C-alpha atoms as a PDB file:
ATOM      1  CA  MET A   1      22.021  56.799   2.485  1.00  0.00           C
ATOM      2  CA  PHE A   2      21.918  57.188  -1.296  1.00  0.00           C
ATOM      3  CA  ALA A   3      23.914  54.716  -1.771  1.00  0.00           C
ATOM      4  CA  SER A   4      21.892  52.132  -0.016  1.00  0.00           C
ATOM      5  CA  LEU A   5      18.649  53.334  -1.638  1.00  0.00           C
ATOM      6  CA  LEU A   6      20.824  53.018  -5.311  1.00  0.00           C
ATOM      7  CA  ALA A   7      21.869  49.067  -4.068  1.00  0.00           C
ATOM      8  CA  LEU A   8      17.722  48.529  -2.979  1.00  0.00           C
ATOM      9  CA  LEU A   9      16.847  49.976  -6.495  1.00  0.00           C
ATOM     10  CA  LEU A  10      19.299  47.032  -7.913  1.00  0.00           C
ATOM     11  CA  ALA A  11      19.004  44.715  -5.710  1.00  0.00           C
ATOM     12  CA  ALA A  12      15.757  42.666  -7.609  1.00  0.00           C
ATOM     13  CA  PRO A  13      18.024  40.575 -10.081  1.00  0.00           C
ATOM     14  CA  GLU A  14      17.772  39.837 -13.356  1.00  0.00           C
ATOM     15  CA  PRO A  15      17.189  35.813 -14.379  1.00  0.00           C
ATOM     16  CA  ALA A  16      19.716  34.198 -14.998  1.00  0.00           C
ATOM     17  CA  ALA A  17      21.091  33.035 -18.584  1.00  0.00           C
ATOM     18  CA  ASP A  18      20.282  29.352 -17.688  1.00  0.00           C
ATOM     19  CA  THR A  19      17.142  29.523 -16.251  1.00  0.00           C
ATOM     20  CA  ALA A  20      14.204  28.197 -18.304  1.00  0.00           C
ATOM     21  CA  ILE A  21      11.488  30.305 -19.401  1.00  0.00           C
ATOM     22  CA  THR A  22       7.927  28.898 -20.345  1.00  0.00           C
ATOM     23  CA  VAL A  23       5.707  31.406 -21.604  1.00  0.00           C
ATOM     24  CA  THR A  24       2.562  30.365 -23.110  1.00  0.00           C
ATOM     25  CA  ALA A  25       0.115  32.680 -25.095  1.00  0.00           C
ATOM     26  CA  THR A  26      -3.545  33.020 -25.864  1.00  0.00           C
ATOM     27  CA  ARG A  27      -4.236  33.973 -29.260  1.00  0.00           C
ATOM     28  CA  LEU A  28      -6.586  37.046 -29.975  1.00  0.00           C
ATOM     29  CA  THR A  29      -9.392  37.357 -32.536  1.00  0.00           C
ATOM     30  CA  PRO A  30      -9.289  40.906 -34.266  1.00  0.00           C
ATOM     31  CA  ALA A  31     -12.428  41.796 -32.301  1.00  0.00           C
ATOM     32  CA  GLU A  32     -10.428  40.434 -28.445  1.00  0.00           C
ATOM     33  CA  ALA A  33      -7.691  42.316 -29.700  1.00  0.00           C
ATOM     34  CA  GLU A  34      -9.672  45.452 -30.168  1.00  0.00           C
ATOM     35  CA  ALA A  35     -11.465  45.730 -27.194  1.00  0.00           C
ATOM     36  CA  ARG A  36      -8.805  45.190 -24.799  1.00  0.00           C
ATOM     37  CA  ALA A  37      -6.875  47.878 -27.254  1.00  0.00           C
ATOM     38  CA  THR A  38      -9.246  50.454 -26.944  1.00  0.00           C
ATOM     39  CA  THR A  39      -8.905  49.537 -22.969  1.00  0.00           C
ATOM     40  CA  PHE A  40      -5.324  50.042 -22.839  1.00  0.00           C
ATOM     41  CA  VAL A  41      -5.168  53.244 -25.510  1.00  0.00           C
ATOM     42  CA  LYS A  42      -8.127  55.095 -22.759  1.00  0.00           C
ATOM     43  CA  ALA A  43      -5.873  53.825 -19.984  1.00  0.00           C
ATOM     44  CA  VAL A  44      -2.769  55.346 -20.801  1.00  0.00           C
ATOM     45  CA  LEU A  45      -3.806  58.510 -22.782  1.00  0.00           C
ATOM     46  CA  PRO A  46      -4.150  62.246 -21.111  1.00  0.00           C
ATOM     47  CA  PRO A  47      -6.513  64.837 -22.345  1.00  0.00           C
ATOM     48  CA  PRO A  48      -5.499  65.933 -25.273  1.00  0.00           C
ATOM     49  CA  SER A  49      -3.484  69.125 -26.112  1.00  0.00           C
ATOM     50  CA  TYR A  50      -4.840  71.549 -28.188  1.00  0.00           C
ATOM     51  CA  GLY A  51      -7.763  69.180 -28.960  1.00  0.00           C
ATOM     52  CA  GLN A  52      -4.688  66.726 -30.776  1.00  0.00           C
ATOM     53  CA  TYR A  53      -1.932  64.691 -28.822  1.00  0.00           C
ATOM     54  CA  GLY A  54       1.633  65.058 -29.244  1.00  0.00           C
ATOM     55  CA  ARG A  55       4.926  62.325 -30.473  1.00  0.00           C
ATOM     56  CA  TRP A  56       8.192  63.322 -30.487  1.00  0.00           C
ATOM     57  CA  THR A  57       9.169  65.255 -33.334  1.00  0.00           C
ATOM     58  CA  VAL A  58      13.105  65.757 -32.754  1.00  0.00           C
ATOM     59  CA  PRO A  59      15.750  63.236 -32.405  1.00  0.00           C
ATOM     60  CA  VAL A  60      15.295  62.428 -28.831  1.00  0.00           C
ATOM     61  CA  CYS A  61      18.630  62.863 -26.551  1.00  0.00           C
ATOM     62  CA  VAL A  62      18.730  61.702 -22.872  1.00  0.00           C
ATOM     63  CA  LYS A  63      20.417  62.985 -19.968  1.00  0.00           C
ATOM     64  CA  VAL A  64      20.166  61.516 -16.995  1.00  0.00           C
ATOM     65  CA  THR A  65      21.301  62.705 -12.795  1.00  0.00           C
ATOM     66  CA  GLY A  66      21.594  62.083 -10.121  1.00  0.00           C
ATOM     67  CA  ILE A  67      22.848  58.348  -9.960  1.00  0.00           C
ATOM     68  CA  THR A  68      26.428  57.280 -10.060  1.00  0.00           C
ATOM     69  CA  ASP A  69      28.066  57.100 -13.980  1.00  0.00           C
ATOM     70  CA  PRO A  70      27.538  53.471 -14.812  1.00  0.00           C
ATOM     71  CA  ALA A  71      23.636  53.372 -13.797  1.00  0.00           C
ATOM     72  CA  ALA A  72      23.127  56.681 -15.589  1.00  0.00           C
ATOM     73  CA  ASN A  73      25.047  54.850 -18.831  1.00  0.00           C
ATOM     74  CA  ARG A  74      22.680  52.018 -18.446  1.00  0.00           C
ATOM     75  CA  VAL A  75      19.286  53.849 -18.088  1.00  0.00           C
ATOM     76  CA  THR A  76      20.702  56.191 -20.673  1.00  0.00           C
ATOM     77  CA  ASP A  77      21.038  53.186 -22.954  1.00  0.00           C
ATOM     78  CA  ARG A  78      17.948  51.446 -22.095  1.00  0.00           C
ATOM     79  CA  VAL A  79      15.975  54.408 -23.495  1.00  0.00           C
ATOM     80  CA  ARG A  80      17.717  55.110 -26.146  1.00  0.00           C
ATOM     81  CA  ALA A  81      17.042  51.506 -27.010  1.00  0.00           C
ATOM     82  CA  VAL A  82      13.174  52.099 -26.173  1.00  0.00           C
ATOM     83  CA  ALA A  83      12.963  54.925 -28.391  1.00  0.00           C
ATOM     84  CA  ALA A  84      14.913  53.372 -31.401  1.00  0.00           C
ATOM     85  CA  ALA A  85      12.970  50.406 -31.434  1.00  0.00           C
ATOM     86  CA  ALA A  86       9.836  52.436 -31.630  1.00  0.00           C
ATOM     87  CA  GLY A  87      11.198  54.058 -35.072  1.00  0.00           C
ATOM     88  CA  MET A  88      12.237  57.598 -33.221  1.00  0.00           C
ATOM     89  CA  ALA A  89      15.037  59.532 -34.047  1.00  0.00           C
ATOM     90  CA  VAL A  90      17.368  59.318 -31.375  1.00  0.00           C
ATOM     91  CA  GLY A  91      20.293  62.231 -31.257  1.00  0.00           C
ATOM     92  CA  LYS A  92      23.856  61.302 -31.551  1.00  0.00           C
ATOM     93  CA  PRO A  93      26.671  61.660 -28.832  1.00  0.00           C
ATOM     94  CA  GLY A  94      26.904  64.937 -27.467  1.00  0.00           C
ATOM     95  CA  CYS A  95      23.390  66.474 -28.576  1.00  0.00           C
ATOM     96  CA  ARG A  96      21.727  68.805 -26.303  1.00  0.00           C
ATOM     97  CA  ALA A  97      19.615  67.266 -23.639  1.00  0.00           C
ATOM     98  CA  ASN A  98      15.688  67.258 -24.335  1.00  0.00           C
ATOM     99  CA  LEU A  99      14.983  64.043 -22.125  1.00  0.00           C
ATOM    100  CA  ASN A 100      16.142  64.867 -18.632  1.00  0.00           C
ATOM    101  CA  ILE A 101      15.882  61.989 -16.303  1.00  0.00           C
ATOM    102  CA  ILE A 102      16.640  63.006 -12.895  1.00  0.00           C
ATOM    103  CA  PHE A 103      17.070  60.138 -10.279  1.00  0.00           C
ATOM    104  CA  SER A 104      16.079  61.831  -6.348  1.00  0.00           C
ATOM    105  CA  GLU A 105      15.914  60.538  -3.115  1.00  0.00           C
ATOM    106  CA  ASP A 106      12.622  63.263  -2.632  1.00  0.00           C
ATOM    107  CA  ALA A 107      11.128  63.466  -6.025  1.00  0.00           C
ATOM    108  CA  SER A 108       8.258  65.674  -4.391  1.00  0.00           C
ATOM    109  CA  SER A 109      11.023  68.065  -2.814  1.00  0.00           C
ATOM    110  CA  THR A 110      13.371  67.935  -6.017  1.00  0.00           C
ATOM    111  CA  THR A 111      10.683  68.460  -8.683  1.00  0.00           C
ATOM    112  CA  GLY A 112       8.994  71.565  -6.684  1.00  0.00           C
ATOM    113  CA  ILE A 113      12.360  72.948  -6.646  1.00  0.00           C
ATOM    114  CA  ILE A 114      12.552  72.728 -10.681  1.00  0.00           C
ATOM    115  CA  LEU A 115       9.399  74.275 -11.146  1.00  0.00           C
ATOM    116  CA  ARG A 116      10.141  77.495  -8.501  1.00  0.00           C
ATOM    117  CA  ARG A 117      12.995  77.982  -9.986  1.00  0.00           C
ATOM    118  CA  ARG A 118      12.113  77.802 -13.843  1.00  0.00           C
ATOM    119  CA  PRO A 119       7.743  78.360 -13.644  1.00  0.00           C
ATOM    120  CA  GLY A 120       7.520  78.180 -17.053  1.00  0.00           C
ATOM    121  CA  LEU A 121       8.065  75.054 -17.492  1.00  0.00           C
ATOM    122  CA  VAL A 122       4.037  74.513 -16.462  1.00  0.00           C
ATOM    123  CA  ALA A 123       2.754  77.313 -16.665  1.00  0.00           C
ATOM    124  CA  ARG A 124       0.201  76.295 -18.638  1.00  0.00           C
ATOM    125  CA  LEU A 125      -1.305  72.862 -16.873  1.00  0.00           C
ATOM    126  CA  PRO A 126      -4.105  73.420 -14.441  1.00  0.00           C
ATOM    127  CA  MET A 127      -3.177  73.959 -10.616  1.00  0.00           C
ATOM    128  CA  ALA A 128      -4.593  70.015 -10.378  1.00  0.00           C
ATOM    129  CA  ALA A 129      -1.900  69.295 -12.723  1.00  0.00           C
ATOM    130  CA  ARG A 130       0.819  71.142 -11.013  1.00  0.00           C
ATOM    131  CA  LYS A 131      -0.065  70.082  -7.316  1.00  0.00           C
ATOM    132  CA  ARG A 132      -0.115  66.478  -8.679  1.00  0.00           C
ATOM    133  CA  LEU A 133       3.841  66.868  -9.449  1.00  0.00           C
ATOM    134  CA  THR A 134       4.430  67.920  -6.491  1.00  0.00           C
ATOM    135  CA  SER A 135       2.662  66.975  -3.771  1.00  0.00           C
ATOM    136  CA  GLU A 136       1.548  63.195  -4.236  1.00  0.00           C
ATOM    137  CA  PRO A 137       3.579  59.729  -3.451  1.00  0.00           C
ATOM    138  CA  LEU A 138       4.828  59.129  -6.912  1.00  0.00           C
ATOM    139  CA  ALA A 139       7.641  56.763  -8.100  1.00  0.00           C
ATOM    140  CA  VAL A 140       8.054  58.270 -10.870  1.00  0.00           C
ATOM    141  CA  ARG A 141       6.838  61.955 -12.190  1.00  0.00           C
ATOM    142  CA  TRP A 142       7.001  63.511 -15.715  1.00  0.00           C
ATOM    143  CA  TRP A 143       5.853  66.522 -17.961  1.00  0.00           C
ATOM    144  CA  TYR A 144       6.429  67.313 -21.276  1.00  0.00           C
ATOM    145  CA  GLY A 145       7.497  70.670 -23.006  1.00  0.00           C
ATOM    146  CA  GLU A 146       5.129  70.728 -26.314  1.00  0.00           C
ATOM    147  CA  GLU A 147       4.992  73.175 -29.246  1.00  0.00           C
ATOM    148  CA  VAL A 148       2.489  73.354 -31.787  1.00  0.00           C
ATOM    149  CA  GLY A 149       3.012  73.796 -35.929  1.00  0.00           C
ATOM    150  CA  ASP A 150       1.066  73.871 -39.049  1.00  0.00           C
ATOM    151  CA  GLY A 151      -1.031  70.970 -40.385  1.00  0.00           C
ATOM    152  CA  SER A 152       2.630  69.089 -41.845  1.00  0.00           C
ATOM    153  CA  GLY A 153       4.204  69.702 -38.219  1.00  0.00           C
ATOM    154  CA  VAL A 154       6.280  72.860 -39.577  1.00  0.00           C
ATOM    155  CA  GLY A 155       7.190  74.972 -36.957  1.00  0.00           C
ATOM    156  CA  ALA A 156       7.651  72.648 -34.563  1.00  0.00           C
ATOM    157  CA  GLY A 157      11.075  72.217 -32.635  1.00  0.00           C
ATOM    158  CA  ALA A 158      12.471  75.239 -35.096  1.00  0.00           C
ATOM    159  CA  GLY A 159      10.543  78.009 -33.928  1.00  0.00           C
ATOM    160  CA  ASN A 160       8.474  79.158 -37.238  1.00  0.00           C
ATOM    161  CA  SER A 161       4.959  79.573 -36.441  1.00  0.00           C
ATOM    162  CA  ALA A 162       4.652  77.494 -33.485  1.00  0.00           C
ATOM    163  CA  THR A 163       3.868  78.320 -29.860  1.00  0.00           C
ATOM    164  CA  ALA A 164       5.520  76.278 -26.853  1.00  0.00           C
ATOM    165  CA  LEU A 165       3.426  74.553 -24.065  1.00  0.00           C
ATOM    166  CA  THR A 166       3.765  72.235 -21.219  1.00  0.00           C
ATOM    167  CA  THR A 167       1.718  69.376 -20.366  1.00  0.00           C
ATOM    168  CA  ALA A 168       2.153  66.646 -17.320  1.00  0.00           C
ATOM    169  CA  GLY A 169      -0.659  63.889 -18.572  1.00  0.00           C
ATOM    170  CA  GLY A 170      -2.591  66.577 -18.432  1.00  0.00           C
ATOM    171  CA  ALA A 171      -4.923  68.838 -20.763  1.00  0.00           C
ATOM    172  CA  ALA A 172      -3.179  72.035 -21.801  1.00  0.00           C
ATOM    173  CA  THR A 173      -5.227  75.125 -22.808  1.00  0.00           C
ATOM    174  CA  LEU A 174      -5.348  76.421 -26.339  1.00  0.00           C
ATOM    175  CA  PRO A 175      -4.366  80.389 -25.592  1.00  0.00           C
ATOM    176  CA  ILE A 176      -6.594  83.278 -26.913  1.00  0.00           C
ATOM    177  CA  GLY A 177      -5.059  86.580 -27.363  1.00  0.00           C
ATOM    178  CA  PRO A 178      -1.328  87.731 -27.883  1.00  0.00           C
ATOM    179  CA  ASP A 179      -0.690  84.047 -27.516  1.00  0.00           C
ATOM    180  CA  ALA A 180      -3.194  82.093 -30.070  1.00  0.00           C
ATOM    181  CA  VAL A 181      -1.321  80.094 -32.281  1.00  0.00           C
ATOM    182  CA  ALA A 182      -1.034  81.056 -36.143  1.00  0.00           C
ATOM    183  CA  THR A 183       0.390  78.984 -38.763  1.00  0.00           C
ATOM    184  CA  ASN A 184       0.756  79.677 -42.434  1.00  0.00           C
ATOM    185  CA  SER A 185      -1.186  76.557 -43.659  1.00  0.00           C
ATOM    186  CA  TYR A 186      -4.668  76.314 -45.013  1.00  0.00           C
ATOM    187  CA  SER A 187      -6.988  73.701 -45.916  1.00  0.00           C
ATOM    188  CA  SER A 188     -10.640  73.327 -46.564  1.00  0.00           C
ATOM    189  CA  SER A 189     -10.693  69.892 -45.963  1.00  0.00           C
ATOM    190  CA  LEU A 190     -13.318  69.164 -42.858  1.00  0.00           C
ATOM    191  CA  ILE A 191     -11.051  66.436 -40.857  1.00  0.00           C
ATOM    192  CA  ASP A 192      -7.281  68.800 -41.588  1.00  0.00           C
ATOM    193  CA  THR A 193      -7.522  70.902 -38.348  1.00  0.00           C
ATOM    194  CA  GLN A 194      -4.214  72.871 -39.520  1.00  0.00           C
ATOM    195  CA  LEU A 195      -2.242  72.313 -36.774  1.00  0.00           C
ATOM    196  CA  SER A 196       0.177  69.413 -35.398  1.00  0.00           C
ATOM    197  CA  VAL A 197       1.131  69.006 -31.894  1.00  0.00           C
ATOM    198  CA  SER A 198       4.469  67.929 -31.206  1.00  0.00           C
ATOM    199  CA  ILE A 199       7.117  67.019 -28.275  1.00  0.00           C
ATOM    200  CA  THR A 200       9.856  68.669 -28.155  1.00  0.00           C
ATOM    201  CA  GLN A 201      11.216  67.566 -24.745  1.00  0.00           C
ATOM    202  CA  ALA A 202      10.701  66.178 -21.394  1.00  0.00           C
ATOM    203  CA  THR A 203      11.677  65.289 -17.824  1.00  0.00           C
ATOM    204  CA  ALA A 204      11.317  62.169 -15.579  1.00  0.00           C
ATOM    205  CA  VAL A 205      11.934  62.547 -12.198  1.00  0.00           C
ATOM    206  CA  VAL A 206      12.162  58.953 -10.246  1.00  0.00           C
ATOM    207  CA  ASP A 207      11.805  58.696  -6.091  1.00  0.00           C
ATOM    208  CA  VAL A 208      14.325  56.617  -5.219  1.00  0.00           C
ATOM    209  CA  THR A 209      13.093  55.750  -2.048  1.00  0.00           C
ATOM    210  CA  LEU A 210       9.816  54.924  -3.620  1.00  0.00           C
ATOM    211  CA  ALA A 211      11.151  52.845  -6.522  1.00  0.00           C
ATOM    212  CA  ALA A 212      13.329  51.283  -4.457  1.00  0.00           C
ATOM    213  CA  GLY A 213      13.415  46.957  -4.795  1.00  0.00           C
ATOM    214  CA  LYS A 214      12.479  47.715  -8.694  1.00  0.00           C
ATOM    215  CA  PRO A 215      15.547  46.218 -11.356  1.00  0.00           C
ATOM    216  CA  LEU A 216      16.874  49.567 -12.949  1.00  0.00           C
ATOM    217  CA  ASN A 217      16.238  47.857 -16.242  1.00  0.00           C
ATOM    218  CA  ALA A 218      12.793  48.278 -15.494  1.00  0.00           C
ATOM    219  CA  VAL A 219      12.839  51.683 -14.015  1.00  0.00           C
ATOM    220  CA  ALA A 220      14.418  52.944 -17.029  1.00  0.00           C
ATOM    221  CA  ASP A 221      11.753  51.018 -19.614  1.00  0.00           C
ATOM    222  CA  HIS A 222       9.330  51.875 -17.314  1.00  0.00           C
ATOM    223  CA  VAL A 223      10.541  55.860 -17.668  1.00  0.00           C
ATOM    224  CA  ALA A 224      10.887  55.412 -21.599  1.00  0.00           C
ATOM    225  CA  MET A 225       7.709  54.474 -21.935  1.00  0.00           C
ATOM    226  CA  VAL A 226       6.154  57.770 -20.121  1.00  0.00           C
ATOM    227  CA  THR A 227       8.692  60.009 -21.696  1.00  0.00           C
ATOM    228  CA  LEU A 228       8.068  58.749 -25.511  1.00  0.00           C
ATOM    229  CA  ALA A 229       4.574  58.873 -25.539  1.00  0.00           C
ATOM    230  CA  PRO A 230       1.592  61.194 -24.217  1.00  0.00           C
ATOM    231  CA  THR A 231       0.999  59.275 -20.893  1.00  0.00           C
ATOM    232  CA  ARG A 232      -1.597  60.098 -17.860  1.00  0.00           C
ATOM    233  CA  LEU A 233      -0.486  60.681 -14.829  1.00  0.00           C
ATOM    234  CA  PRO A 234      -0.180  58.262 -13.268  1.00  0.00           C
ATOM    235  CA  PRO A 235      -1.887  55.917 -15.883  1.00  0.00           C
ATOM    236  CA  ASP A 236      -5.153  53.924 -15.403  1.00  0.00           C
ATOM    237  CA  PRO A 237      -4.470  50.332 -15.035  1.00  0.00           C
ATOM    238  CA  THR A 238      -4.315  48.758 -18.861  1.00  0.00           C
ATOM    239  CA  GLY A 239      -5.925  45.932 -18.513  1.00  0.00           C
ATOM    240  CA  VAL A 240      -3.207  43.812 -20.062  1.00  0.00           C
ATOM    241  CA  PRO A 241       0.500  42.908 -19.639  1.00  0.00           C
ATOM    242  CA  SER A 242       2.830  46.667 -19.292  1.00  0.00           C
ATOM    243  CA  ILE A 243       5.519  48.270 -17.811  1.00  0.00           C
ATOM    244  CA  LEU A 244       3.097  50.926 -17.407  1.00  0.00           C
ATOM    245  CA  GLY A 245       2.132  48.605 -14.326  1.00  0.00           C
ATOM    246  CA  LEU A 246       5.612  48.369 -12.815  1.00  0.00           C
ATOM    247  CA  PHE A 247       4.547  50.134  -9.404  1.00  0.00           C
ATOM    248  CA  SER A 248       0.931  48.665  -9.461  1.00  0.00           C
ATOM    249  CA  THR A 249       0.882  45.344 -11.370  1.00  0.00           C
ATOM    250  CA  GLY A 250       4.637  44.479 -10.812  1.00  0.00           C
ATOM    251  CA  THR A 251       4.944  44.062 -14.156  1.00  0.00           C
ATOM    252  CA  ASP A 252       8.907  45.175 -14.917  1.00  0.00           C
ATOM    253  CA  THR A 253       9.317  44.309 -18.788  1.00  0.00           C
ATOM    254  CA  ILE A 254       7.976  46.216 -21.965  1.00  0.00           C
ATOM    255  CA  SER A 255       5.719  43.903 -23.546  1.00  0.00           C
ATOM    256  CA  SER A 256       4.155  43.480 -27.136  1.00  0.00           C
ATOM    257  CA  TRP A 257       1.319  45.837 -26.062  1.00  0.00           C
ATOM    258  CA  ASP A 258       3.779  48.587 -24.948  1.00  0.00           C
ATOM    259  CA  ARG A 259       6.104  47.779 -28.058  1.00  0.00           C
ATOM    260  CA  ALA A 260       3.014  48.359 -30.473  1.00  0.00           C
ATOM    261  CA  TRP A 261       1.813  51.182 -28.614  1.00  0.00           C
ATOM    262  CA  LEU A 262       5.516  53.175 -29.009  1.00  0.00           C
ATOM    263  CA  THR A 263       4.908  52.120 -32.839  1.00  0.00           C
ATOM    264  CA  ALA A 264       1.195  53.114 -32.556  1.00  0.00           C
ATOM    265  CA  LEU A 265       2.206  56.627 -32.398  1.00  0.00           C
ATOM    266  CA  GLY A 266       3.990  57.005 -35.845  1.00  0.00           C
ATOM    267  CA  THR A 267       1.022  56.393 -37.846  1.00  0.00           C
ATOM    268  CA  ILE A 268      -0.984  59.213 -36.475  1.00  0.00           C
ATOM    269  CA  SER A 269      -1.845  61.475 -38.541  1.00  0.00           C
ATOM    270  CA  PRO A 270      -0.711  64.788 -37.317  1.00  0.00           C
ATOM    271  CA  ASN A 271      -3.280  67.604 -38.509  1.00  0.00           C
ATOM    272  CA  ARG A 272      -6.442  65.327 -37.325  1.00  0.00           C
ATOM    273  CA  ARG A 273      -8.872  65.636 -33.939  1.00  0.00           C
ATOM    274  CA  SER A 274      -7.970  63.062 -31.332  1.00  0.00           C
ATOM    275  CA  ASP A 275     -10.925  61.015 -31.704  1.00  0.00           C
ATOM    276  CA  ARG A 276      -9.485  59.979 -35.071  1.00  0.00           C
ATOM    277  CA  GLN A 277      -6.062  59.485 -33.618  1.00  0.00           C
ATOM    278  CA  ARG A 278      -7.053  56.930 -31.099  1.00  0.00           C
ATOM    279  CA  GLY A 279      -8.938  55.202 -33.585  1.00  0.00           C
ATOM    280  CA  GLN A 280      -5.874  54.895 -35.778  1.00  0.00           C
ATOM    281  CA  MET A 281      -3.446  54.193 -32.160  1.00  0.00           C
ATOM    282  CA  ILE A 282      -6.366  51.390 -31.703  1.00  0.00           C
ATOM    283  CA  THR A 283      -6.389  49.691 -35.160  1.00  0.00           C
ATOM    284  CA  HIS A 284      -2.635  49.487 -34.805  1.00  0.00           C
ATOM    285  CA  ILE A 285      -2.637  47.654 -31.694  1.00  0.00           C
ATOM    286  CA  LYS A 286      -4.901  45.325 -32.808  1.00  0.00           C
ATOM    287  CA  ASP A 287      -3.222  44.807 -36.096  1.00  0.00           C
ATOM    288  CA  GLN A 288      -0.144  43.845 -34.202  1.00  0.00           C
ATOM    289  CA  LEU A 289      -1.748  41.761 -31.787  1.00  0.00           C
ATOM    290  CA  THR A 290      -3.888  40.191 -33.866  1.00  0.00           C
ATOM    291  CA  GLY A 291      -2.718  36.165 -33.329  1.00  0.00           C
ATOM    292  CA  SER A 292       0.396  37.259 -32.221  1.00  0.00           C
ATOM    293  CA  ASP A 293      -0.456  38.023 -28.343  1.00  0.00           C
ATOM    294  CA  ARG A 294       2.752  37.018 -26.754  1.00  0.00           C
ATOM    295  CA  ASP A 295       2.778  38.356 -23.056  1.00  0.00           C
END
C-alpha cells in the first residue's frame, strides 16, 4: 500500500530537458512590490512568540524518515540546498538532527503518537493549535522548538539563560513564575526588547495520502519553506507565486518571492518587537523584487 502511495507522490514528471518554456514578467513599481510583500508577509507569519519572530540560529541538520533511502536523500538534499541558498548554516555530515521530516500514510495519527509520547513538545501550545496538529486533514503539518536568549541571541541553543518553548504556526505565551525568562542583558533603549527568539529545532509530518500526485521535489521545497521560517499552519493565500500554495493553487516551484522571504529573515534585528521585524521583512522583499519580478 505504502509503495503505491509513494509512487503516486513521485508520479508527476519534471519538465523534459528539451522542453521550451517561455517566461513573461511584469516589472513591479516600488509601491506595487511593497503592497504585495505586505500581503505575503501577513499571510505567512503566525502570531509572534514572546512578541517576536524566531529564526534559525543553529546549523540546520536534516533527518528524513518513512520513505526509501534514495527518496529520503533526495528530500534531505533539497532542504539543505534551500537553507544554504537562504544563507542559513547547514550541519555537517553526522550532525545531530534538529529538523525531522516524517512521511506517513496517516500523518494525523503519527503526529498524535509522537505528541502522546513526548507531550513536552507542545506543552506551551494553545489547545486549539494542538488539536489542529492531530485532527485537521493537512498534507503537511509542522511545529518548532524555540529558545529565548538575550538581545544578542546569547543563550539560544546553548543552554545559557535560555527558555525553551514550542510553536506550531501559533503563539507561545510568555511564561511567568518559575518559567519566566531572565537574561544578563540590559539596555536603556526604547526599542531594544533585550530578548531574542531563536528556532533551534523543527518537525514536519507529510501525509503521503494527501500529498499524492505532487512531485517529491516540490513537496521537499514546501517542507523546507515551512520549517526554515516561522509559518502559519496552514498559511493564508499569499497573493503571489509561492511554493506555499503547492496544495492549494498548485504552484510547485520555489519562486523569487519565496527566496526573498527566506533571506528576509536573516535581515531582521533579533531584539526588536514583531511589528518592527515585519517592517524589515517587507522592506527586504520589496527591495529584492522591485523591477525583478521574474515569476
